N, C-alpha and C. Protein backbone atom coordinates (compact mmCIF):
# COMPACT_ATOMS: atom_id res chain seq x y z
N MET A 1 -25.35 -10.36 -11.70
CA MET A 1 -24.15 -9.85 -10.97
C MET A 1 -24.59 -8.71 -10.14
N ASN A 2 -23.99 -8.55 -8.86
CA ASN A 2 -24.40 -7.59 -7.97
C ASN A 2 -23.49 -6.25 -8.36
N GLU A 3 -24.16 -5.13 -8.37
CA GLU A 3 -23.54 -3.92 -8.63
C GLU A 3 -23.60 -3.14 -7.35
N THR A 4 -22.48 -2.29 -7.04
CA THR A 4 -22.60 -1.33 -5.88
C THR A 4 -22.23 -0.11 -6.43
N LYS A 5 -23.11 0.94 -6.18
CA LYS A 5 -22.84 2.27 -6.64
C LYS A 5 -22.67 3.11 -5.32
N SER A 6 -21.69 4.20 -5.63
CA SER A 6 -21.62 5.12 -4.59
C SER A 6 -21.03 6.44 -5.17
N THR A 7 -21.16 7.62 -4.53
CA THR A 7 -20.60 8.79 -5.09
C THR A 7 -19.13 8.99 -4.81
N LEU A 8 -18.47 9.42 -5.65
CA LEU A 8 -16.80 9.68 -5.49
C LEU A 8 -16.79 11.04 -4.89
N MET A 9 -16.54 11.16 -3.49
CA MET A 9 -16.27 12.35 -2.86
C MET A 9 -15.01 11.97 -1.87
N GLY A 10 -14.25 12.98 -1.80
CA GLY A 10 -13.04 12.81 -0.77
C GLY A 10 -12.27 11.68 -1.10
N ARG A 11 -12.42 10.72 -0.12
CA ARG A 11 -11.56 9.54 -0.10
C ARG A 11 -12.31 8.31 -0.56
N ALA A 12 -13.43 8.41 -1.13
CA ALA A 12 -14.30 7.19 -1.55
C ALA A 12 -13.44 6.26 -2.38
N LEU A 13 -12.82 6.79 -3.43
CA LEU A 13 -12.12 5.75 -4.33
C LEU A 13 -11.00 5.12 -3.64
N PRO A 14 -10.12 5.73 -2.97
CA PRO A 14 -9.07 5.06 -2.22
C PRO A 14 -9.51 4.08 -1.20
N ALA A 15 -10.55 4.41 -0.53
CA ALA A 15 -11.20 3.60 0.61
C ALA A 15 -11.82 2.47 -0.18
N THR A 16 -12.42 2.59 -1.29
CA THR A 16 -13.05 1.39 -1.94
C THR A 16 -12.06 0.49 -2.48
N LEU A 17 -10.98 1.08 -3.07
CA LEU A 17 -9.91 0.17 -3.45
C LEU A 17 -9.33 -0.70 -2.30
N LYS A 18 -9.10 0.04 -1.19
CA LYS A 18 -8.45 -0.70 -0.16
C LYS A 18 -9.34 -1.69 0.47
N MET A 19 -10.67 -1.52 0.51
CA MET A 19 -11.70 -2.56 1.02
C MET A 19 -11.61 -3.64 0.04
N LEU A 20 -11.70 -3.45 -1.29
CA LEU A 20 -11.67 -4.57 -2.19
C LEU A 20 -10.41 -5.36 -2.21
N SER A 21 -9.20 -4.62 -1.98
CA SER A 21 -7.98 -5.33 -1.82
C SER A 21 -7.92 -6.23 -0.61
N ALA A 22 -8.39 -5.71 0.52
CA ALA A 22 -8.34 -6.42 1.79
C ALA A 22 -9.25 -7.73 1.65
N ALA A 23 -10.34 -7.62 0.95
CA ALA A 23 -11.23 -8.77 0.67
C ALA A 23 -10.75 -9.71 -0.29
N GLY A 24 -9.71 -9.32 -0.91
CA GLY A 24 -9.18 -10.27 -2.20
C GLY A 24 -10.13 -10.31 -3.23
N THR A 25 -10.95 -9.27 -3.47
CA THR A 25 -11.88 -9.31 -4.63
C THR A 25 -11.41 -9.20 -5.97
N SER A 26 -12.12 -10.01 -6.86
CA SER A 26 -11.87 -9.85 -8.24
C SER A 26 -13.07 -9.16 -8.80
N CYS A 27 -12.81 -7.96 -9.45
CA CYS A 27 -13.89 -7.15 -9.85
C CYS A 27 -13.44 -6.16 -10.90
N VAL A 28 -14.47 -5.45 -11.56
CA VAL A 28 -14.22 -4.38 -12.47
C VAL A 28 -14.81 -3.19 -11.68
N LEU A 29 -13.98 -2.13 -11.37
CA LEU A 29 -14.56 -0.86 -10.78
C LEU A 29 -14.63 0.16 -11.85
N SER A 30 -15.89 0.55 -12.07
CA SER A 30 -16.15 1.60 -13.08
C SER A 30 -16.27 2.89 -12.36
N VAL A 31 -15.57 4.04 -12.71
CA VAL A 31 -15.68 5.35 -12.24
C VAL A 31 -16.13 6.24 -13.37
N THR A 32 -17.19 6.99 -13.14
CA THR A 32 -17.75 7.92 -14.09
C THR A 32 -17.89 9.34 -13.42
N SER A 33 -17.53 10.31 -14.20
CA SER A 33 -17.67 11.65 -13.84
C SER A 33 -18.59 12.18 -15.02
N GLU A 34 -18.83 13.55 -15.08
CA GLU A 34 -19.73 14.11 -16.05
C GLU A 34 -19.22 13.78 -17.47
N GLU A 35 -17.86 13.91 -17.57
CA GLU A 35 -17.27 13.77 -18.98
C GLU A 35 -16.46 12.59 -19.17
N ASN A 36 -16.07 11.96 -18.07
CA ASN A 36 -15.01 10.91 -18.13
C ASN A 36 -15.45 9.45 -17.60
N VAL A 37 -14.80 8.44 -18.01
CA VAL A 37 -15.06 7.18 -17.67
C VAL A 37 -13.74 6.42 -17.47
N ALA A 38 -13.57 5.74 -16.35
CA ALA A 38 -12.39 5.03 -16.12
C ALA A 38 -12.81 3.63 -15.72
N THR A 39 -11.89 2.59 -15.94
CA THR A 39 -12.21 1.24 -15.51
C THR A 39 -10.93 0.82 -14.82
N ILE A 40 -11.12 0.08 -13.58
CA ILE A 40 -9.98 -0.36 -12.88
C ILE A 40 -10.34 -1.92 -12.55
N ALA A 41 -9.51 -2.72 -13.07
CA ALA A 41 -9.70 -4.14 -12.73
C ALA A 41 -8.87 -4.71 -11.72
N LEU A 42 -9.50 -5.48 -10.85
CA LEU A 42 -8.73 -6.07 -9.69
C LEU A 42 -8.88 -7.58 -9.79
N THR A 43 -7.75 -8.26 -9.55
CA THR A 43 -7.73 -9.72 -9.44
C THR A 43 -7.32 -10.28 -8.10
N LYS A 44 -8.17 -10.82 -7.47
CA LYS A 44 -7.79 -11.45 -6.09
C LYS A 44 -7.28 -10.19 -5.21
N GLY A 45 -7.83 -8.92 -5.32
CA GLY A 45 -7.35 -7.88 -4.52
C GLY A 45 -6.26 -7.04 -4.91
N LYS A 46 -5.72 -7.43 -6.15
CA LYS A 46 -4.55 -6.70 -6.75
C LYS A 46 -5.06 -6.08 -8.03
N ILE A 47 -4.56 -4.76 -8.29
CA ILE A 47 -4.89 -4.19 -9.44
C ILE A 47 -4.33 -4.71 -10.66
N ALA A 48 -5.01 -5.17 -11.47
CA ALA A 48 -4.63 -5.95 -12.74
C ALA A 48 -4.25 -4.82 -13.80
N TRP A 49 -5.10 -3.92 -14.05
CA TRP A 49 -4.93 -2.83 -15.09
C TRP A 49 -6.01 -1.79 -14.87
N ALA A 50 -5.67 -0.73 -15.68
CA ALA A 50 -6.73 0.57 -15.60
C ALA A 50 -6.58 1.23 -16.78
N THR A 51 -7.73 1.78 -17.19
CA THR A 51 -7.88 2.48 -18.39
C THR A 51 -8.88 3.73 -18.15
N SER A 52 -8.70 4.67 -18.92
CA SER A 52 -9.68 5.87 -18.84
C SER A 52 -9.81 6.46 -20.25
N ASN A 53 -10.95 7.12 -20.45
CA ASN A 53 -11.11 7.83 -21.86
C ASN A 53 -10.29 9.08 -21.80
N SER A 54 -9.81 9.58 -20.60
CA SER A 54 -9.08 10.88 -20.60
C SER A 54 -7.53 10.63 -20.64
N THR A 55 -7.13 9.45 -20.85
CA THR A 55 -5.62 9.10 -20.86
C THR A 55 -5.45 8.32 -22.14
N LYS A 56 -4.07 8.17 -22.52
CA LYS A 56 -3.92 7.34 -23.78
C LYS A 56 -4.05 5.94 -23.53
N ARG A 57 -4.45 5.24 -24.53
CA ARG A 57 -4.71 3.72 -24.35
C ARG A 57 -3.23 3.09 -24.47
N ILE A 58 -3.17 2.07 -23.70
CA ILE A 58 -1.78 1.45 -23.64
C ILE A 58 -1.29 0.93 -24.89
N GLY A 59 -2.17 0.52 -25.83
CA GLY A 59 -1.57 0.02 -27.28
C GLY A 59 -1.06 1.23 -27.95
N ASP A 60 -1.65 2.41 -27.86
CA ASP A 60 -1.13 3.58 -28.55
C ASP A 60 0.23 4.03 -27.93
N VAL A 61 0.41 3.83 -26.50
CA VAL A 61 1.70 4.23 -25.97
C VAL A 61 2.71 3.30 -26.35
N LEU A 62 2.26 1.91 -26.60
CA LEU A 62 3.43 0.95 -26.96
C LEU A 62 3.69 1.27 -28.34
N VAL A 63 2.78 1.77 -29.27
CA VAL A 63 3.16 2.02 -30.62
C VAL A 63 4.12 3.30 -30.60
N GLU A 64 3.89 4.30 -29.85
CA GLU A 64 4.52 5.60 -29.71
C GLU A 64 5.94 5.34 -29.31
N LYS A 65 6.09 4.37 -28.45
CA LYS A 65 7.45 3.97 -27.86
C LYS A 65 8.21 3.04 -28.84
N GLY A 66 7.46 2.50 -29.92
CA GLY A 66 8.18 1.70 -30.80
C GLY A 66 8.23 0.24 -30.39
N PHE A 67 7.51 -0.27 -29.42
CA PHE A 67 7.43 -1.67 -29.06
C PHE A 67 6.58 -2.51 -29.94
N VAL A 68 5.70 -1.94 -30.61
CA VAL A 68 4.88 -2.59 -31.54
C VAL A 68 4.48 -1.67 -32.68
N ASN A 69 4.06 -2.14 -33.83
CA ASN A 69 3.60 -1.15 -34.82
C ASN A 69 2.05 -1.21 -34.97
N ARG A 70 1.57 -0.31 -35.66
CA ARG A 70 0.08 -0.17 -35.84
C ARG A 70 -0.59 -1.30 -36.31
N GLU A 71 0.00 -2.03 -37.23
CA GLU A 71 -0.44 -3.31 -37.75
C GLU A 71 -0.60 -4.46 -36.77
N VAL A 72 0.41 -4.60 -35.94
CA VAL A 72 0.32 -5.57 -34.88
C VAL A 72 -0.58 -5.19 -33.91
N LEU A 73 -0.80 -3.96 -33.52
CA LEU A 73 -1.75 -3.56 -32.56
C LEU A 73 -3.17 -3.79 -33.12
N GLY A 74 -3.32 -3.61 -34.43
CA GLY A 74 -4.67 -3.86 -34.98
C GLY A 74 -5.07 -5.37 -34.77
N VAL A 75 -4.20 -6.21 -35.14
CA VAL A 75 -4.29 -7.69 -34.95
C VAL A 75 -4.64 -7.96 -33.53
N VAL A 76 -3.81 -7.38 -32.54
CA VAL A 76 -4.11 -7.72 -31.19
C VAL A 76 -5.49 -7.18 -30.74
N LEU A 77 -5.95 -6.12 -31.09
CA LEU A 77 -7.31 -5.59 -30.83
C LEU A 77 -8.31 -6.47 -31.42
N SER A 78 -8.18 -6.99 -32.66
CA SER A 78 -9.20 -7.97 -33.10
C SER A 78 -9.18 -9.17 -32.32
N ILE A 79 -8.08 -9.75 -31.84
CA ILE A 79 -8.08 -10.94 -30.92
C ILE A 79 -8.70 -10.52 -29.56
N GLN A 80 -8.40 -9.42 -29.22
CA GLN A 80 -9.03 -8.92 -27.87
C GLN A 80 -10.50 -9.00 -27.94
N LYS A 81 -11.17 -8.48 -29.05
CA LYS A 81 -12.61 -8.50 -29.19
C LYS A 81 -13.21 -9.78 -29.30
N ARG A 82 -12.44 -10.88 -29.80
CA ARG A 82 -12.94 -12.19 -29.95
C ARG A 82 -13.01 -13.02 -28.52
N LYS A 83 -11.99 -12.55 -27.68
CA LYS A 83 -12.15 -13.29 -26.48
C LYS A 83 -13.26 -13.10 -25.57
N ARG A 84 -13.69 -14.16 -24.74
CA ARG A 84 -14.88 -14.17 -23.91
C ARG A 84 -14.62 -13.17 -22.87
N MET A 85 -13.44 -13.37 -22.29
CA MET A 85 -13.02 -12.42 -21.08
C MET A 85 -12.04 -11.44 -21.60
N ARG A 86 -12.29 -10.04 -21.60
CA ARG A 86 -11.50 -9.04 -22.12
C ARG A 86 -10.21 -9.13 -21.43
N GLN A 87 -9.16 -9.26 -22.30
CA GLN A 87 -7.71 -9.29 -21.59
C GLN A 87 -7.09 -7.94 -22.13
N PRO A 88 -6.25 -7.57 -21.23
CA PRO A 88 -5.47 -6.39 -21.68
C PRO A 88 -4.53 -6.51 -22.83
N VAL A 89 -4.43 -5.51 -23.70
CA VAL A 89 -3.46 -5.73 -24.85
C VAL A 89 -2.21 -6.18 -24.42
N CYS A 90 -1.59 -5.77 -23.37
CA CYS A 90 -0.20 -6.42 -22.98
C CYS A 90 -0.18 -7.82 -22.65
N THR A 91 -1.32 -8.31 -22.17
CA THR A 91 -1.50 -9.73 -21.84
C THR A 91 -1.35 -10.57 -23.16
N ILE A 92 -2.21 -10.04 -24.16
CA ILE A 92 -2.22 -10.72 -25.42
C ILE A 92 -0.80 -10.67 -26.09
N LEU A 93 -0.19 -9.39 -26.03
CA LEU A 93 1.18 -9.29 -26.59
C LEU A 93 2.08 -10.30 -25.96
N CYS A 94 1.94 -10.48 -24.70
CA CYS A 94 2.93 -11.45 -24.00
C CYS A 94 2.61 -12.79 -24.43
N GLU A 95 1.30 -13.15 -24.49
CA GLU A 95 1.05 -14.57 -24.94
C GLU A 95 1.46 -14.93 -26.38
N LEU A 96 1.61 -13.79 -27.11
CA LEU A 96 2.06 -14.02 -28.56
C LEU A 96 3.59 -13.99 -28.63
N GLY A 97 4.25 -13.69 -27.44
CA GLY A 97 5.68 -13.47 -27.59
C GLY A 97 6.24 -12.31 -28.15
N LEU A 98 5.40 -11.16 -28.19
CA LEU A 98 5.73 -9.98 -28.84
C LEU A 98 6.47 -8.86 -27.89
N ILE A 99 6.16 -9.03 -26.68
CA ILE A 99 6.75 -8.18 -25.63
C ILE A 99 7.03 -9.16 -24.42
N SER A 100 7.97 -8.73 -23.61
CA SER A 100 8.22 -9.47 -22.37
C SER A 100 7.36 -9.24 -21.30
N PRO A 101 7.14 -10.14 -20.36
CA PRO A 101 6.34 -9.95 -19.13
C PRO A 101 6.80 -8.69 -18.39
N GLU A 102 8.02 -8.44 -18.33
CA GLU A 102 8.63 -7.31 -17.63
C GLU A 102 8.35 -6.05 -18.24
N LEU A 103 8.32 -6.04 -19.50
CA LEU A 103 7.91 -4.67 -20.25
C LEU A 103 6.34 -4.50 -20.07
N ALA A 104 5.67 -5.56 -20.21
CA ALA A 104 4.19 -5.49 -19.94
C ALA A 104 3.78 -4.90 -18.53
N GLU A 105 4.62 -5.53 -17.53
CA GLU A 105 4.30 -5.08 -16.12
C GLU A 105 4.68 -3.69 -15.96
N ALA A 106 5.64 -3.19 -16.53
CA ALA A 106 6.18 -1.79 -16.41
C ALA A 106 5.10 -0.85 -17.08
N GLU A 107 4.67 -1.20 -18.25
CA GLU A 107 3.80 -0.39 -18.97
C GLU A 107 2.45 -0.38 -18.37
N ILE A 108 1.96 -1.54 -17.90
CA ILE A 108 0.62 -1.61 -17.17
C ILE A 108 0.73 -0.71 -15.92
N GLU A 109 1.71 -0.86 -15.25
CA GLU A 109 1.98 -0.04 -13.86
C GLU A 109 1.86 1.39 -14.20
N ALA A 110 2.66 1.80 -15.18
CA ALA A 110 2.66 3.18 -15.63
C ALA A 110 1.32 3.77 -16.08
N GLN A 111 0.64 2.90 -16.79
CA GLN A 111 -0.70 3.27 -17.24
C GLN A 111 -1.64 3.50 -16.02
N THR A 112 -1.62 2.38 -15.09
CA THR A 112 -2.47 2.37 -13.91
C THR A 112 -2.23 3.62 -13.13
N THR A 113 -1.00 3.89 -12.91
CA THR A 113 -0.67 5.10 -12.13
C THR A 113 -1.20 6.39 -12.72
N GLU A 114 -1.00 6.41 -14.08
CA GLU A 114 -1.57 7.70 -14.78
C GLU A 114 -3.03 7.76 -14.62
N VAL A 115 -3.70 6.59 -14.82
CA VAL A 115 -5.14 6.62 -14.68
C VAL A 115 -5.68 7.00 -13.23
N LEU A 116 -5.07 6.44 -12.17
CA LEU A 116 -5.39 6.78 -10.89
C LEU A 116 -5.11 8.23 -10.49
N VAL A 117 -3.93 8.83 -10.99
CA VAL A 117 -3.71 10.24 -10.82
C VAL A 117 -4.80 11.05 -11.49
N ASP A 118 -5.13 10.68 -12.58
CA ASP A 118 -6.23 11.41 -13.40
C ASP A 118 -7.62 11.31 -12.74
N VAL A 119 -7.99 10.05 -12.44
CA VAL A 119 -9.35 9.90 -11.61
C VAL A 119 -9.47 10.57 -10.43
N LEU A 120 -8.32 10.62 -9.58
CA LEU A 120 -8.39 11.29 -8.25
C LEU A 120 -8.57 12.76 -8.56
N GLY A 121 -8.24 13.28 -9.65
CA GLY A 121 -8.33 14.73 -9.83
C GLY A 121 -9.70 15.13 -10.32
N TRP A 122 -10.57 14.16 -10.58
CA TRP A 122 -11.97 14.41 -11.10
C TRP A 122 -12.89 15.05 -10.01
N GLY A 123 -12.51 14.76 -8.75
CA GLY A 123 -13.40 15.26 -7.62
C GLY A 123 -14.66 14.54 -7.28
N ARG A 124 -15.48 14.61 -8.20
CA ARG A 124 -16.84 13.93 -8.14
C ARG A 124 -17.17 12.89 -9.25
N GLY A 125 -17.83 11.89 -8.94
CA GLY A 125 -18.28 10.94 -9.88
C GLY A 125 -18.99 9.80 -9.21
N THR A 126 -19.24 8.82 -9.91
CA THR A 126 -19.83 7.60 -9.49
C THR A 126 -18.90 6.40 -9.49
N LEU A 127 -19.05 5.50 -8.43
CA LEU A 127 -18.22 4.27 -8.52
C LEU A 127 -19.25 3.14 -8.64
N ARG A 128 -18.97 2.11 -9.44
CA ARG A 128 -19.66 1.00 -9.66
C ARG A 128 -18.81 -0.26 -9.65
N VAL A 129 -19.08 -1.18 -8.70
CA VAL A 129 -18.31 -2.34 -8.61
C VAL A 129 -19.02 -3.55 -9.10
N GLU A 130 -18.52 -4.24 -10.10
CA GLU A 130 -19.11 -5.46 -10.68
C GLU A 130 -18.17 -6.52 -10.35
N PRO A 131 -18.68 -7.48 -9.57
CA PRO A 131 -17.77 -8.76 -9.37
C PRO A 131 -17.46 -9.59 -10.60
N VAL A 132 -16.34 -10.15 -10.68
CA VAL A 132 -15.84 -11.08 -11.74
C VAL A 132 -15.45 -12.38 -11.24
N ASP A 133 -15.76 -13.39 -11.87
CA ASP A 133 -15.33 -14.68 -11.40
C ASP A 133 -13.89 -14.71 -11.43
N SER A 134 -13.09 -15.03 -10.35
CA SER A 134 -11.69 -14.92 -10.28
C SER A 134 -10.97 -15.98 -11.28
N SER A 135 -11.72 -16.99 -11.64
CA SER A 135 -11.01 -17.93 -12.65
C SER A 135 -10.99 -17.24 -13.95
N GLU A 136 -11.91 -16.27 -14.23
CA GLU A 136 -11.89 -15.60 -15.46
C GLU A 136 -11.00 -14.37 -15.51
N SER A 137 -10.46 -14.00 -14.30
CA SER A 137 -9.63 -12.73 -14.19
C SER A 137 -8.45 -12.90 -14.95
N THR A 138 -7.89 -11.65 -15.33
CA THR A 138 -6.57 -11.62 -16.13
C THR A 138 -5.48 -11.80 -15.15
N THR A 139 -4.33 -12.21 -15.80
CA THR A 139 -3.20 -12.40 -15.13
C THR A 139 -2.76 -10.87 -14.37
N VAL A 140 -2.40 -10.92 -13.16
CA VAL A 140 -1.95 -9.63 -12.57
C VAL A 140 -0.58 -9.32 -13.00
N PHE A 141 -0.42 -8.13 -13.58
CA PHE A 141 0.77 -7.68 -14.02
C PHE A 141 1.33 -6.51 -13.17
N VAL A 142 0.50 -5.76 -12.42
CA VAL A 142 0.92 -4.69 -11.54
C VAL A 142 1.29 -5.48 -10.33
N ASP A 143 2.57 -5.48 -10.06
CA ASP A 143 3.02 -6.41 -8.85
C ASP A 143 3.18 -5.40 -7.65
N GLN A 144 2.21 -4.58 -7.32
CA GLN A 144 2.20 -3.61 -6.35
C GLN A 144 1.03 -3.80 -5.47
N SER A 145 1.03 -3.59 -4.13
CA SER A 145 -0.29 -3.64 -3.49
C SER A 145 -1.02 -2.30 -3.71
N VAL A 146 -2.32 -2.40 -3.46
CA VAL A 146 -3.17 -1.20 -3.71
C VAL A 146 -2.63 -0.08 -2.87
N GLU A 147 -2.20 -0.39 -1.70
CA GLU A 147 -1.66 0.69 -0.82
C GLU A 147 -0.55 1.41 -1.30
N THR A 148 0.50 0.57 -1.88
CA THR A 148 1.78 1.07 -2.53
C THR A 148 1.29 1.95 -3.73
N MET A 149 0.37 1.53 -4.53
CA MET A 149 -0.06 2.15 -5.68
C MET A 149 -0.64 3.51 -5.29
N LEU A 150 -1.48 3.56 -4.21
CA LEU A 150 -2.13 4.77 -3.83
C LEU A 150 -1.16 5.79 -3.21
N ILE A 151 -0.05 5.22 -2.47
CA ILE A 151 0.92 6.23 -1.96
C ILE A 151 1.61 6.82 -3.16
N ARG A 152 2.00 6.07 -4.12
CA ARG A 152 2.71 6.57 -5.23
C ARG A 152 1.84 7.68 -6.02
N VAL A 153 0.57 7.38 -6.21
CA VAL A 153 -0.32 8.28 -6.80
C VAL A 153 -0.51 9.65 -5.93
N ALA A 154 -0.54 9.41 -4.68
CA ALA A 154 -0.64 10.55 -3.66
C ALA A 154 0.58 11.52 -3.85
N LEU A 155 1.69 10.89 -3.87
CA LEU A 155 3.01 11.67 -4.02
C LEU A 155 3.01 12.42 -5.48
N LEU A 156 2.59 11.73 -6.47
CA LEU A 156 2.46 12.24 -7.91
C LEU A 156 1.50 13.43 -7.84
N ARG A 157 0.45 13.25 -7.29
CA ARG A 157 -0.61 14.39 -7.13
C ARG A 157 -0.16 15.51 -6.39
N ASP A 158 0.48 15.14 -5.24
CA ASP A 158 1.03 16.33 -4.42
C ASP A 158 2.10 17.05 -5.36
N GLY A 159 2.93 16.42 -5.97
CA GLY A 159 3.97 17.11 -6.86
C GLY A 159 3.23 17.93 -7.90
N LEU A 160 2.20 17.37 -8.50
CA LEU A 160 1.33 18.17 -9.52
C LEU A 160 0.75 19.39 -8.83
N ASP A 161 0.10 19.17 -7.64
CA ASP A 161 -0.50 20.36 -6.98
C ASP A 161 0.45 21.33 -6.69
N ARG A 162 1.72 21.00 -6.26
CA ARG A 162 2.56 21.93 -5.92
C ARG A 162 3.24 22.68 -7.10
N ALA A 163 3.36 21.89 -8.25
CA ALA A 163 3.79 22.56 -9.50
C ALA A 163 2.70 23.65 -9.88
N THR A 164 1.46 23.24 -9.87
CA THR A 164 0.35 24.06 -10.21
C THR A 164 0.46 25.31 -9.26
N CYS A 165 0.56 25.11 -7.97
CA CYS A 165 0.56 26.16 -7.05
C CYS A 165 1.76 27.09 -7.32
N ASP A 166 2.93 26.60 -7.69
CA ASP A 166 4.23 27.29 -7.94
C ASP A 166 4.01 28.16 -9.16
N ASP A 167 3.46 27.48 -10.21
CA ASP A 167 3.08 28.22 -11.48
C ASP A 167 2.18 29.48 -11.23
N THR A 168 1.17 29.22 -10.37
CA THR A 168 0.17 30.25 -10.14
C THR A 168 0.91 31.53 -9.37
N VAL A 169 1.69 31.15 -8.52
CA VAL A 169 2.50 32.17 -7.69
C VAL A 169 3.44 32.87 -8.59
N ALA A 170 4.15 32.18 -9.62
CA ALA A 170 4.96 32.88 -10.45
C ALA A 170 4.33 33.68 -11.46
N VAL A 171 3.06 33.49 -11.82
CA VAL A 171 2.37 34.31 -12.69
C VAL A 171 1.94 35.47 -11.93
N GLN A 172 1.60 35.53 -10.75
CA GLN A 172 1.09 36.77 -10.10
C GLN A 172 2.23 37.61 -9.89
């Protein structure tokens, strides 16, 4: 498999996501910084899911919200490990009829947004793109274009930056 590496500076991540989206690429984009690692999966140019070691795992979020219990999550994680192509927890839960596709889409979209907000705050890091056979790609649950997701993330980051700035001003 071909891998592309580049340094995450300024607008590198959004530009890379837009380029992969425009090309209709199916791939796994790995983003690493000194302490953190994130994975963003794209299927035919759309973000399928994202995860990061610095954000909560989606299975844990579903348990916290009461949609599944720890026992069910354990079973789903063992199924996930056995599959040839890694599927998101929400995909497996939908296949088993334990959550609705609408709930899965909403939770994956929230998780993906949280991961993108987090990763864009890292500042520096490395991007690695690994192509994936689109026939093996997961079902797309995030029904938003990359551009729409990036605009949402930019607005959220702007709100976080303003809140931080307001807190700093209030302390002084």
